Amino acid sequence: MTKLGKHISTDLTADQTKTLIENYHQCGTDITSGQIIGKEAWINGSSYQVIATDKLQATSNKLRESLGLQTKTLSNTETELNQLNTAFFKDNTNKTFNTDGLNTTYYSDNTY
């Protein structure tokens, strides 16, 4: 965790993370890994990897199967945005991804 800490973002508390490590550290003998390859997109001047819906669905299915859960069809912001960007996925040279305004940053004087 010390080496990976600066590369991980989570909403788990420190106590929750500690509990995970304490309870599941021995599960490390049965780990399966995989990789999802995305497509480069430029959004708001920054480079992102956007994952096609079919790859997201296949990964979700595999994960759910390994957990003993039934598969579910993904329907979320990513899949909705992917539907808006069929031309992006069809053209390997296209780097423009339509975020439908979701990449807009709003500033206010409020602090949360």
PDB file of N, CA and C in Angstrom:
ATOM      1  N   MET A   1       0.824  -1.199   0.000  1.00  0.00           N
ATOM      2  CA  MET A   1       0.000   0.000   0.000  1.00  0.00           C
ATOM      3  C   MET A   1       0.866   1.259   0.000  1.00  0.00           C
ATOM      4  N   THR A   2       2.019   1.187   0.650  1.00  0.00           N
ATOM      5  CA  THR A   2       2.895   2.355   0.692  1.00  0.00           C
ATOM      6  C   THR A   2       3.346   2.728  -0.714  1.00  0.00           C
ATOM      7  N   LYS A   3       3.720   1.733  -1.512  1.00  0.00           N
ATOM      8  CA  LYS A   3       4.190   1.997  -2.873  1.00  0.00           C
ATOM      9  C   LYS A   3       3.057   2.418  -3.795  1.00  0.00           C
ATOM     10  N   LEU A   4       1.885   1.829  -3.623  1.00  0.00           N
ATOM     11  CA  LEU A   4       0.762   2.117  -4.512  1.00  0.00           C
ATOM     12  C   LEU A   4      -0.055   3.322  -4.086  1.00  0.00           C
ATOM     13  N   GLY A   5       0.028   3.715  -2.840  1.00  0.00           N
ATOM     14  CA  GLY A   5      -0.832   4.749  -2.281  1.00  0.00           C
ATOM     15  C   GLY A   5      -0.986   6.000  -3.106  1.00  0.00           C
ATOM     16  N   LYS A   6       0.103   6.536  -3.629  1.00  0.00           N
ATOM     17  CA  LYS A   6       0.013   7.780  -4.396  1.00  0.00           C
ATOM     18  C   LYS A   6      -0.627   7.590  -5.767  1.00  0.00           C
ATOM     19  N   HIS A   7      -0.840   6.336  -6.180  1.00  0.00           N
ATOM     20  CA  HIS A   7      -1.429   6.050  -7.485  1.00  0.00           C
ATOM     21  C   HIS A   7      -2.872   5.558  -7.379  1.00  0.00           C
ATOM     22  N   ILE A   8      -3.415   5.531  -6.181  1.00  0.00           N
ATOM     23  CA  ILE A   8      -4.761   5.003  -5.957  1.00  0.00           C
ATOM     24  C   ILE A   8      -5.660   6.102  -5.400  1.00  0.00           C
ATOM     25  N   SER A   9      -6.859   6.181  -5.943  1.00  0.00           N
ATOM     26  CA  SER A   9      -7.866   7.109  -5.436  1.00  0.00           C
ATOM     27  C   SER A   9      -9.080   6.289  -5.011  1.00  0.00           C
ATOM     28  N   THR A  10      -9.579   6.521  -3.811  1.00  0.00           N
ATOM     29  CA  THR A  10     -10.709   5.753  -3.300  1.00  0.00           C
ATOM     30  C   THR A  10     -11.527   6.603  -2.335  1.00  0.00           C
ATOM     31  N   ASP A  11     -12.755   6.176  -2.110  1.00  0.00           N
ATOM     32  CA  ASP A  11     -13.575   6.844  -1.109  1.00  0.00           C
ATOM     33  C   ASP A  11     -13.644   6.013   0.179  1.00  0.00           C
ATOM     34  N   LEU A  12     -12.820   4.959   0.260  1.00  0.00           N
ATOM     35  CA  LEU A  12     -12.746   4.177   1.490  1.00  0.00           C
ATOM     36  C   LEU A  12     -11.985   4.971   2.549  1.00  0.00           C
ATOM     37  N   THR A  13     -12.429   4.836   3.783  1.00  0.00           N
ATOM     38  CA  THR A  13     -11.709   5.479   4.879  1.00  0.00           C
ATOM     39  C   THR A  13     -10.447   4.674   5.185  1.00  0.00           C
ATOM     40  N   ALA A  14      -9.561   5.263   5.958  1.00  0.00           N
ATOM     41  CA  ALA A  14      -8.331   4.561   6.354  1.00  0.00           C
ATOM     42  C   ALA A  14      -8.676   3.288   7.133  1.00  0.00           C
ATOM     43  N   ASP A  15      -9.673   3.364   8.014  1.00  0.00           N
ATOM     44  CA  ASP A  15     -10.078   2.187   8.793  1.00  0.00           C
ATOM     45  C   ASP A  15     -10.648   1.088   7.898  1.00  0.00           C
ATOM     46  N   GLN A  16     -11.449   1.474   6.888  1.00  0.00           N
ATOM     47  CA  GLN A  16     -11.996   0.483   5.967  1.00  0.00           C
ATOM     48  C   GLN A  16     -10.884  -0.188   5.159  1.00  0.00           C
ATOM     49  N   THR A  17      -9.909   0.598   4.725  1.00  0.00           N
ATOM     50  CA  THR A  17      -8.781   0.053   3.976  1.00  0.00           C
ATOM     51  C   THR A  17      -7.986  -0.914   4.848  1.00  0.00           C
ATOM     52  N   LYS A  18      -7.751  -0.525   6.089  1.00  0.00           N
ATOM     53  CA  LYS A  18      -7.016  -1.387   7.019  1.00  0.00           C
ATOM     54  C   LYS A  18      -7.761  -2.707   7.223  1.00  0.00           C
ATOM     55  N   THR A  19      -9.070  -2.639   7.367  1.00  0.00           N
ATOM     56  CA  THR A  19      -9.883  -3.843   7.551  1.00  0.00           C
ATOM     57  C   THR A  19      -9.787  -4.755   6.330  1.00  0.00           C
ATOM     58  N   LEU A  20      -9.840  -4.169   5.142  1.00  0.00           N
ATOM     59  CA  LEU A  20      -9.699  -4.967   3.919  1.00  0.00           C
ATOM     60  C   LEU A  20      -8.370  -5.709   3.892  1.00  0.00           C
ATOM     61  N   ILE A  21      -7.315  -4.999   4.203  1.00  0.00           N
ATOM     62  CA  ILE A  21      -5.977  -5.597   4.186  1.00  0.00           C
ATOM     63  C   ILE A  21      -5.886  -6.712   5.233  1.00  0.00           C
ATOM     64  N   GLU A  22      -6.378  -6.447   6.433  1.00  0.00           N
ATOM     65  CA  GLU A  22      -6.300  -7.436   7.509  1.00  0.00           C
ATOM     66  C   GLU A  22      -7.105  -8.690   7.194  1.00  0.00           C
ATOM     67  N   ASN A  23      -8.286  -8.514   6.606  1.00  0.00           N
ATOM     68  CA  ASN A  23      -9.181  -9.648   6.373  1.00  0.00           C
ATOM     69  C   ASN A  23      -8.897 -10.418   5.089  1.00  0.00           C
ATOM     70  N   TYR A  24      -8.300  -9.767   4.098  1.00  0.00           N
ATOM     71  CA  TYR A  24      -8.196 -10.406   2.791  1.00  0.00           C
ATOM     72  C   TYR A  24      -6.773 -10.550   2.270  1.00  0.00           C
ATOM     73  N   HIS A  25      -5.762 -10.225   3.056  1.00  0.00           N
ATOM     74  CA  HIS A  25      -4.389 -10.301   2.552  1.00  0.00           C
ATOM     75  C   HIS A  25      -3.989 -11.713   2.153  1.00  0.00           C
ATOM     76  N   GLN A  26      -4.572 -12.724   2.759  1.00  0.00           N
ATOM     77  CA  GLN A  26      -4.225 -14.100   2.423  1.00  0.00           C
ATOM     78  C   GLN A  26      -4.881 -14.577   1.125  1.00  0.00           C
ATOM     79  N   CYS A  27      -5.795 -13.810   0.592  1.00  0.00           N
ATOM     80  CA  CYS A  27      -6.443 -14.177  -0.672  1.00  0.00           C
ATOM     81  C   CYS A  27      -5.518 -13.969  -1.859  1.00  0.00           C
ATOM     82  N   GLY A  28      -4.357 -13.397  -1.628  1.00  0.00           N
ATOM     83  CA  GLY A  28      -3.416 -13.081  -2.693  1.00  0.00           C
ATOM     84  C   GLY A  28      -2.893 -14.281  -3.457  1.00  0.00           C
ATOM     85  N   THR A  29      -3.165 -15.482  -2.996  1.00  0.00           N
ATOM     86  CA  THR A  29      -2.685 -16.667  -3.706  1.00  0.00           C
ATOM     87  C   THR A  29      -3.587 -17.035  -4.874  1.00  0.00           C
ATOM     88  N   ASP A  30      -4.751 -16.434  -4.961  1.00  0.00           N
ATOM     89  CA  ASP A  30      -5.700 -16.770  -6.023  1.00  0.00           C
ATOM     90  C   ASP A  30      -6.171 -15.507  -6.735  1.00  0.00           C
ATOM     91  N   ILE A  31      -5.227 -14.803  -7.332  1.00  0.00           N
ATOM     92  CA  ILE A  31      -5.547 -13.544  -8.004  1.00  0.00           C
ATOM     93  C   ILE A  31      -5.476 -13.744  -9.513  1.00  0.00           C
ATOM     94  N   THR A  32      -6.502 -13.268 -10.192  1.00  0.00           N
ATOM     95  CA  THR A  32      -6.519 -13.263 -11.651  1.00  0.00           C
ATOM     96  C   THR A  32      -6.521 -11.815 -12.096  1.00  0.00           C
ATOM     97  N   SER A  33      -5.685 -11.495 -13.046  1.00  0.00           N
ATOM     98  CA  SER A  33      -5.640 -10.106 -13.515  1.00  0.00           C
ATOM     99  C   SER A  33      -5.992 -10.052 -14.991  1.00  0.00           C
ATOM    100  N   GLY A  34      -6.362  -8.884 -15.423  1.00  0.00           N
ATOM    101  CA  GLY A  34      -6.696  -8.652 -16.823  1.00  0.00           C
ATOM    102  C   GLY A  34      -6.450  -7.205 -17.163  1.00  0.00           C
ATOM    103  N   GLN A  35      -6.595  -6.896 -18.417  1.00  0.00           N
ATOM    104  CA  GLN A  35      -6.348  -5.534 -18.877  1.00  0.00           C
ATOM    105  C   GLN A  35      -7.436  -5.150 -19.870  1.00  0.00           C
ATOM    106  N   ILE A  36      -7.899  -3.937 -19.750  1.00  0.00           N
ATOM    107  CA  ILE A  36      -8.870  -3.393 -20.704  1.00  0.00           C
ATOM    108  C   ILE A  36      -8.150  -2.327 -21.516  1.00  0.00           C
ATOM    109  N   ILE A  37      -8.165  -2.474 -22.811  1.00  0.00           N
ATOM    110  CA  ILE A  37      -7.513  -1.513 -23.689  1.00  0.00           C
ATOM    111  C   ILE A  37      -8.556  -0.501 -24.163  1.00  0.00           C
ATOM    112  N   GLY A  38      -8.271   0.766 -23.927  1.00  0.00           N
ATOM    113  CA  GLY A  38      -9.176   1.822 -24.347  1.00  0.00           C
ATOM    114  C   GLY A  38      -8.701   2.488 -25.622  1.00  0.00           C
ATOM    115  N   LYS A  39      -9.383   3.538 -25.986  1.00  0.00           N
ATOM    116  CA  LYS A  39      -9.048   4.338 -27.162  1.00  0.00           C
ATOM    117  C   LYS A  39      -8.739   5.744 -26.676  1.00  0.00           C
ATOM    118  N   GLU A  40      -7.661   6.317 -27.203  1.00  0.00           N
ATOM    119  CA  GLU A  40      -7.258   7.654 -26.783  1.00  0.00           C
ATOM    120  C   GLU A  40      -8.281   8.691 -27.214  1.00  0.00           C
ATOM    121  N   ALA A  41      -8.602   9.566 -26.274  1.00  0.00           N
ATOM    122  CA  ALA A  41      -9.507  10.680 -26.556  1.00  0.00           C
ATOM    123  C   ALA A  41      -8.953  11.924 -25.871  1.00  0.00           C
ATOM    124  N   TRP A  42      -9.179  13.066 -26.502  1.00  0.00           N
ATOM    125  CA  TRP A  42      -8.803  14.342 -25.895  1.00  0.00           C
ATOM    126  C   TRP A  42     -10.072  15.025 -25.416  1.00  0.00           C
ATOM    127  N   ILE A  43     -10.128  15.271 -24.105  1.00  0.00           N
ATOM    128  CA  ILE A  43     -11.285  15.909 -23.495  1.00  0.00           C
ATOM    129  C   ILE A  43     -10.779  17.067 -22.650  1.00  0.00           C
ATOM    130  N   ASN A  44     -11.229  18.258 -22.971  1.00  0.00           N
ATOM    131  CA  ASN A  44     -10.813  19.460 -22.231  1.00  0.00           C
ATOM    132  C   ASN A  44      -9.292  19.617 -22.194  1.00  0.00           C
ATOM    133  N   GLY A  45      -8.621  19.259 -23.273  1.00  0.00           N
ATOM    134  CA  GLY A  45      -7.183  19.417 -23.357  1.00  0.00           C
ATOM    135  C   GLY A  45      -6.376  18.358 -22.638  1.00  0.00           C
ATOM    136  N   SER A  46      -7.043  17.326 -22.122  1.00  0.00           N
ATOM    137  CA  SER A  46      -6.349  16.237 -21.436  1.00  0.00           C
ATOM    138  C   SER A  46      -6.604  14.923 -22.159  1.00  0.00           C
ATOM    139  N   SER A  47      -5.617  14.041 -22.116  1.00  0.00           N
ATOM    140  CA  SER A  47      -5.730  12.743 -22.761  1.00  0.00           C
ATOM    141  C   SER A  47      -6.392  11.736 -21.823  1.00  0.00           C
ATOM    142  N   TYR A  48      -7.347  10.988 -22.360  1.00  0.00           N
ATOM    143  CA  TYR A  48      -8.054   9.959 -21.604  1.00  0.00           C
ATOM    144  C   TYR A  48      -8.057   8.663 -22.403  1.00  0.00           C
ATOM    145  N   GLN A  49      -8.291   7.560 -21.725  1.00  0.00           N
ATOM    146  CA  GLN A  49      -8.553   6.283 -22.372  1.00  0.00           C
ATOM    147  C   GLN A  49     -10.041   6.014 -22.198  1.00  0.00           C
ATOM    148  N   VAL A  50     -10.757   5.898 -23.314  1.00  0.00           N
ATOM    149  CA  VAL A  50     -12.189   5.638 -23.291  1.00  0.00           C
ATOM    150  C   VAL A  50     -12.400   4.176 -23.667  1.00  0.00           C
ATOM    151  N   ILE A  51     -13.163   3.477 -22.872  1.00  0.00           N
ATOM    152  CA  ILE A  51     -13.395   2.059 -23.084  1.00  0.00           C
ATOM    153  C   ILE A  51     -14.728   1.868 -23.808  1.00  0.00           C
ATOM    154  N   ALA A  52     -14.698   1.108 -24.897  1.00  0.00           N
ATOM    155  CA  ALA A  52     -15.913   0.819 -25.656  1.00  0.00           C
ATOM    156  C   ALA A  52     -16.877  -0.003 -24.803  1.00  0.00           C
ATOM    157  N   THR A  53     -18.157   0.178 -25.039  1.00  0.00           N
ATOM    158  CA  THR A  53     -19.189  -0.485 -24.246  1.00  0.00           C
ATOM    159  C   THR A  53     -19.063  -1.997 -24.285  1.00  0.00           C
ATOM    160  N   ASP A  54     -18.739  -2.573 -25.440  1.00  0.00           N
ATOM    161  CA  ASP A  54     -18.636  -4.036 -25.502  1.00  0.00           C
ATOM    162  C   ASP A  54     -17.509  -4.556 -24.610  1.00  0.00           C
ATOM    163  N   LYS A  55     -16.417  -3.811 -24.510  1.00  0.00           N
ATOM    164  CA  LYS A  55     -15.312  -4.212 -23.629  1.00  0.00           C
ATOM    165  C   LYS A  55     -15.701  -4.027 -22.159  1.00  0.00           C
ATOM    166  N   LEU A  56     -16.405  -2.940 -21.860  1.00  0.00           N
ATOM    167  CA  LEU A  56     -16.890  -2.727 -20.496  1.00  0.00           C
ATOM    168  C   LEU A  56     -17.836  -3.853 -20.080  1.00  0.00           C
ATOM    169  N   GLN A  57     -18.738  -4.219 -21.003  1.00  0.00           N
ATOM    170  CA  GLN A  57     -19.716  -5.265 -20.710  1.00  0.00           C
ATOM    171  C   GLN A  57     -19.028  -6.610 -20.503  1.00  0.00           C
ATOM    172  N   ALA A  58     -18.064  -6.938 -21.362  1.00  0.00           N
ATOM    173  CA  ALA A  58     -17.347  -8.216 -21.231  1.00  0.00           C
ATOM    174  C   ALA A  58     -16.596  -8.288 -19.900  1.00  0.00           C
ATOM    175  N   THR A  59     -16.003  -7.179 -19.488  1.00  0.00           N
ATOM    176  CA  THR A  59     -15.274  -7.139 -18.219  1.00  0.00           C
ATOM    177  C   THR A  59     -16.231  -7.265 -17.044  1.00  0.00           C
ATOM    178  N   SER A  60     -17.354  -6.569 -17.123  1.00  0.00           N
ATOM    179  CA  SER A  60     -18.370  -6.671 -16.075  1.00  0.00           C
ATOM    180  C   SER A  60     -18.872  -8.107 -15.965  1.00  0.00           C
ATOM    181  N   ASN A  61     -19.140  -8.735 -17.095  1.00  0.00           N
ATOM    182  CA  ASN A  61     -19.625 -10.119 -17.095  1.00  0.00           C
ATOM    183  C   ASN A  61     -18.617 -11.055 -16.433  1.00  0.00           C
ATOM    184  N   LYS A  62     -17.353 -10.887 -16.788  1.00  0.00           N
ATOM    185  CA  LYS A  62     -16.300 -11.749 -16.243  1.00  0.00           C
ATOM    186  C   LYS A  62     -16.172 -11.559 -14.730  1.00  0.00           C
ATOM    187  N   LEU A  63     -16.193 -10.309 -14.287  1.00  0.00           N
ATOM    188  CA  LEU A  63     -16.093 -10.021 -12.863  1.00  0.00           C
ATOM    189  C   LEU A  63     -17.291 -10.570 -12.106  1.00  0.00           C
ATOM    190  N   ARG A  64     -18.477 -10.331 -12.634  1.00  0.00           N
ATOM    191  CA  ARG A  64     -19.687 -10.808 -11.966  1.00  0.00           C
ATOM    192  C   ARG A  64     -19.709 -12.340 -11.904  1.00  0.00           C
ATOM    193  N   GLU A  65     -19.265 -12.981 -12.980  1.00  0.00           N
ATOM    194  CA  GLU A  65     -19.208 -14.443 -12.993  1.00  0.00           C
ATOM    195  C   GLU A  65     -18.249 -14.957 -11.923  1.00  0.00           C
ATOM    196  N   SER A  66     -17.091 -14.306 -11.791  1.00  0.00           N
ATOM    197  CA  SER A  66     -16.113 -14.746 -10.793  1.00  0.00           C
ATOM    198  C   SER A  66     -16.626 -14.546  -9.370  1.00  0.00           C
ATOM    199  N   LEU A  67     -17.571 -13.632  -9.192  1.00  0.00           N
ATOM    200  CA  LEU A  67     -18.163 -13.387  -7.877  1.00  0.00           C
ATOM    201  C   LEU A  67     -19.436 -14.193  -7.643  1.00  0.00           C
ATOM    202  N   GLY A  68     -19.824 -15.004  -8.645  1.00  0.00           N
ATOM    203  CA  GLY A  68     -21.030 -15.810  -8.518  1.00  0.00           C
ATOM    204  C   GLY A  68     -22.305 -15.014  -8.694  1.00  0.00           C
ATOM    205  N   LEU A  69     -22.224 -13.891  -9.409  1.00  0.00           N
ATOM    206  CA  LEU A  69     -23.389 -13.037  -9.637  1.00  0.00           C
ATOM    207  C   LEU A  69     -23.900 -13.190 -11.061  1.00  0.00           C
ATOM    208  N   GLN A  70     -25.185 -12.940 -11.259  1.00  0.00           N
ATOM    209  CA  GLN A  70     -25.745 -12.947 -12.605  1.00  0.00           C
ATOM    210  C   GLN A  70     -25.254 -11.723 -13.366  1.00  0.00           C
ATOM    211  N   THR A  71     -25.095 -11.893 -14.673  1.00  0.00           N
ATOM    212  CA  THR A  71     -24.680 -10.746 -15.479  1.00  0.00           C
ATOM    213  C   THR A  71     -25.838  -9.757 -15.598  1.00  0.00           C
ATOM    214  N   LYS A  72     -25.467  -8.502 -15.766  1.00  0.00           N
ATOM    215  CA  LYS A  72     -26.436  -7.421 -15.966  1.00  0.00           C
ATOM    216  C   LYS A  72     -25.940  -6.561 -17.106  1.00  0.00           C
ATOM    217  N   THR A  73     -26.862  -6.068 -17.906  1.00  0.00           N
ATOM    218  CA  THR A  73     -26.494  -5.159 -18.984  1.00  0.00           C
ATOM    219  C   THR A  73     -26.124  -3.814 -18.387  1.00  0.00           C
ATOM    220  N   LEU A  74     -24.933  -3.334 -18.740  1.00  0.00           N
ATOM    221  CA  LEU A  74     -24.477  -2.050 -18.218  1.00  0.00           C
ATOM    222  C   LEU A  74     -25.309  -0.911 -18.797  1.00  0.00           C
ATOM    223  N   SER A  75     -25.669  -0.003 -17.955  1.00  0.00           N
ATOM    224  CA  SER A  75     -26.360   1.212 -18.362  1.00  0.00           C
ATOM    225  C   SER A  75     -25.945   2.299 -17.382  1.00  0.00           C
ATOM    226  N   ASN A  76     -24.978   3.117 -17.825  1.00  0.00           N
ATOM    227  CA  ASN A  76     -24.456   4.160 -16.952  1.00  0.00           C
ATOM    228  C   ASN A  76     -23.975   5.322 -17.815  1.00  0.00           C
ATOM    229  N   THR A  77     -23.362   6.296 -17.197  1.00  0.00           N
ATOM    230  CA  THR A  77     -22.908   7.480 -17.933  1.00  0.00           C
ATOM    231  C   THR A  77     -21.962   7.107 -19.058  1.00  0.00           C
ATOM    232  N   GLU A  78     -21.023   6.186 -18.791  1.00  0.00           N
ATOM    233  CA  GLU A  78     -20.059   5.797 -19.824  1.00  0.00           C
ATOM    234  C   GLU A  78     -20.750   5.164 -21.027  1.00  0.00           C
ATOM    235  N   THR A  79     -21.656   4.249 -20.771  1.00  0.00           N
ATOM    236  CA  THR A  79     -22.325   3.591 -21.900  1.00  0.00           C
ATOM    237  C   THR A  79     -23.223   4.566 -22.659  1.00  0.00           C
ATOM    238  N   GLU A  80     -23.833   5.500 -21.951  1.00  0.00           N
ATOM    239  CA  GLU A  80     -24.667   6.510 -22.619  1.00  0.00           C
ATOM    240  C   GLU A  80     -23.816   7.431 -23.498  1.00  0.00           C
ATOM    241  N   LEU A  81     -22.650   7.848 -22.960  1.00  0.00           N
ATOM    242  CA  LEU A  81     -21.759   8.687 -23.764  1.00  0.00           C
ATOM    243  C   LEU A  81     -21.198   7.910 -24.954  1.00  0.00           C
ATOM    244  N   ASN A  82     -20.906   6.639 -24.766  1.00  0.00           N
ATOM    245  CA  ASN A  82     -20.423   5.830 -25.882  1.00  0.00           C
ATOM    246  C   ASN A  82     -21.448   5.771 -27.009  1.00  0.00           C
ATOM    247  N   GLN A  83     -22.734   5.720 -26.662  1.00  0.00           N
ATOM    248  CA  GLN A  83     -23.786   5.718 -27.685  1.00  0.00           C
ATOM    249  C   GLN A  83     -23.784   7.012 -28.494  1.00  0.00           C
ATOM    250  N   LEU A  84     -23.382   8.109 -27.871  1.00  0.00           N
ATOM    251  CA  LEU A  84     -23.306   9.393 -28.577  1.00  0.00           C
ATOM    252  C   LEU A  84     -22.076   9.485 -29.478  1.00  0.00           C
ATOM    253  N   ASN A  85     -21.147   8.557 -29.328  1.00  0.00           N
ATOM    254  CA  ASN A  85     -19.857   8.656 -29.991  1.00  0.00           C
ATOM    255  C   ASN A  85     -19.545   7.477 -30.907  1.00  0.00           C
ATOM    256  N   THR A  86     -20.526   7.010 -31.645  1.00  0.00           N
ATOM    257  CA  THR A  86     -20.285   5.871 -32.529  1.00  0.00           C
ATOM    258  C   THR A  86     -19.224   6.200 -33.580  1.00  0.00           C
ATOM    259  N   ALA A  87     -19.201   7.425 -34.086  1.00  0.00           N
ATOM    260  CA  ALA A  87     -18.191   7.812 -35.083  1.00  0.00           C
ATOM    261  C   ALA A  87     -16.789   7.781 -34.471  1.00  0.00           C
ATOM    262  N   PHE A  88     -16.662   8.143 -33.213  1.00  0.00           N
ATOM    263  CA  PHE A  88     -15.380   8.118 -32.508  1.00  0.00           C
ATOM    264  C   PHE A  88     -14.806   6.706 -32.498  1.00  0.00           C
ATOM    265  N   PHE A  89     -15.636   5.728 -32.204  1.00  0.00           N
ATOM    266  CA  PHE A  89     -15.162   4.351 -32.110  1.00  0.00           C
ATOM    267  C   PHE A  89     -14.927   3.714 -33.484  1.00  0.00           C
ATOM    268  N   LYS A  90     -15.593   4.198 -34.509  1.00  0.00           N
ATOM    269  CA  LYS A  90     -15.427   3.628 -35.856  1.00  0.00           C
ATOM    270  C   LYS A  90     -14.166   4.123 -36.548  1.00  0.00           C
ATOM    271  N   ASP A  91     -13.648   5.278 -36.159  1.00  0.00           N
ATOM    272  CA  ASP A  91     -12.499   5.899 -36.823  1.00  0.00           C
ATOM    273  C   ASP A  91     -11.302   5.911 -35.879  1.00  0.00           C
ATOM    274  N   ASN A  92     -10.287   5.095 -36.184  1.00  0.00           N
ATOM    275  CA  ASN A  92      -9.115   5.001 -35.303  1.00  0.00           C
ATOM    276  C   ASN A  92      -8.333   6.296 -35.191  1.00  0.00           C
ATOM    277  N   THR A  93      -8.494   7.196 -36.142  1.00  0.00           N
ATOM    278  CA  THR A  93      -7.763   8.462 -36.089  1.00  0.00           C
ATOM    279  C   THR A  93      -8.530   9.544 -35.332  1.00  0.00           C
ATOM    280  N   ASN A  94      -9.798   9.322 -35.075  1.00  0.00           N
ATOM    281  CA  ASN A  94     -10.642  10.297 -34.382  1.00  0.00           C
ATOM    282  C   ASN A  94     -10.294  10.308 -32.892  1.00  0.00           C
ATOM    283  N   LYS A  95      -9.921  11.459 -32.382  1.00  0.00           N
ATOM    284  CA  LYS A  95      -9.554  11.608 -30.966  1.00  0.00           C
ATOM    285  C   LYS A  95     -10.543  12.490 -30.210  1.00  0.00           C
ATOM    286  N   THR A  96     -11.606  12.932 -30.891  1.00  0.00           N
ATOM    287  CA  THR A  96     -12.572  13.837 -30.283  1.00  0.00           C
ATOM    288  C   THR A  96     -13.748  13.042 -29.736  1.00  0.00           C
ATOM    289  N   PHE A  97     -13.967  13.144 -28.432  1.00  0.00           N
ATOM    290  CA  PHE A  97     -15.037  12.415 -27.753  1.00  0.00           C
ATOM    291  C   PHE A  97     -16.040  13.420 -27.212  1.00  0.00           C
ATOM    292  N   ASN A  98     -17.296  13.299 -27.604  1.00  0.00           N
ATOM    293  CA  ASN A  98     -18.358  14.201 -27.175  1.00  0.00           C
ATOM    294  C   ASN A  98     -18.796  13.824 -25.767  1.00  0.00           C
ATOM    295  N   THR A  99     -18.562  14.707 -24.809  1.00  0.00           N
ATOM    296  CA  THR A  99     -18.957  14.437 -23.421  1.00  0.00           C
ATOM    297  C   THR A  99     -20.336  15.003 -23.092  1.00  0.00           C
ATOM    298  N   ASP A 100     -21.006  15.555 -24.068  1.00  0.00           N
ATOM    299  CA  ASP A 100     -22.360  16.075 -23.886  1.00  0.00           C
ATOM    300  C   ASP A 100     -22.437  17.051 -22.708  1.00  0.00           C
ATOM    301  N   GLY A 101     -21.363  17.828 -22.523  1.00  0.00           N
ATOM    302  CA  GLY A 101     -21.334  18.839 -21.473  1.00  0.00           C
ATOM    303  C   GLY A 101     -20.917  18.332 -20.107  1.00  0.00           C
ATOM    304  N   LEU A 102     -20.685  17.034 -19.967  1.00  0.00           N
ATOM    305  CA  LEU A 102     -20.320  16.490 -18.657  1.00  0.00           C
ATOM    306  C   LEU A 102     -18.913  16.858 -18.235  1.00  0.00           C
ATOM    307  N   ASN A 103     -18.111  17.376 -19.168  1.00  0.00           N
ATOM    308  CA  ASN A 103     -16.745  17.766 -18.815  1.00  0.00           C
ATOM    309  C   ASN A 103     -16.656  19.239 -18.429  1.00  0.00           C
ATOM    310  N   THR A 104     -17.784  19.903 -18.311  1.00  0.00           N
ATOM    311  CA  THR A 104     -17.802  21.311 -17.945  1.00  0.00           C
ATOM    312  C   THR A 104     -17.546  21.463 -16.443  1.00  0.00           C
ATOM    313  N   THR A 105     -16.654  22.350 -16.098  1.00  0.00           N
ATOM    314  CA  THR A 105     -16.348  22.623 -14.700  1.00  0.00           C
ATOM    315  C   THR A 105     -17.067  23.893 -14.270  1.00  0.00           C
ATOM    316  N   TYR A 106     -17.773  23.805 -13.165  1.00  0.00           N
ATOM    317  CA  TYR A 106     -18.472  24.957 -12.635  1.00  0.00           C
ATOM    318  C   TYR A 106     -17.787  25.391 -11.346  1.00  0.00           C
ATOM    319  N   TYR A 107     -17.515  26.676 -11.240  1.00  0.00           N
ATOM    320  CA  TYR A 107     -16.879  27.203 -10.038  1.00  0.00           C
ATOM    321  C   TYR A 107     -17.877  28.040  -9.259  1.00  0.00           C
ATOM    322  N   SER A 108     -17.779  27.953  -7.945  1.00  0.00           N
ATOM    323  CA  SER A 108     -18.651  28.761  -7.100  1.00  0.00           C
ATOM    324  C   SER A 108     -17.881  29.150  -5.843  1.00  0.00           C
ATOM    325  N   ASP A 109     -18.486  29.942  -5.015  1.00  0.00           N
ATOM    326  CA  ASP A 109     -17.881  30.345  -3.757  1.00  0.00           C
ATOM    327  C   ASP A 109     -18.222  29.370  -2.627  1.00  0.00           C
ATOM    328  N   ASN A 110     -19.009  28.333  -2.950  1.00  0.00           N
ATOM    329  CA  ASN A 110     -19.423  27.364  -1.929  1.00  0.00           C
ATOM    330  C   ASN A 110     -18.313  26.343  -1.681  1.00  0.00           C
ATOM    331  N   THR A 111     -18.167  25.972  -0.450  1.00  0.00           N
ATOM    332  CA  THR A 111     -17.225  24.941  -0.069  1.00  0.00           C
ATOM    333  C   THR A 111     -18.007  23.780   0.553  1.00  0.00           C
ATOM    334  N   TYR A 112     -17.735  22.587   0.080  1.00  0.00           N
ATOM    335  CA  TYR A 112     -18.455  21.403   0.593  1.00  0.00           C
ATOM    336  C   TYR A 112     -17.479  20.492   1.281  1.00  0.00           C
TER     337      TYR A 112
END
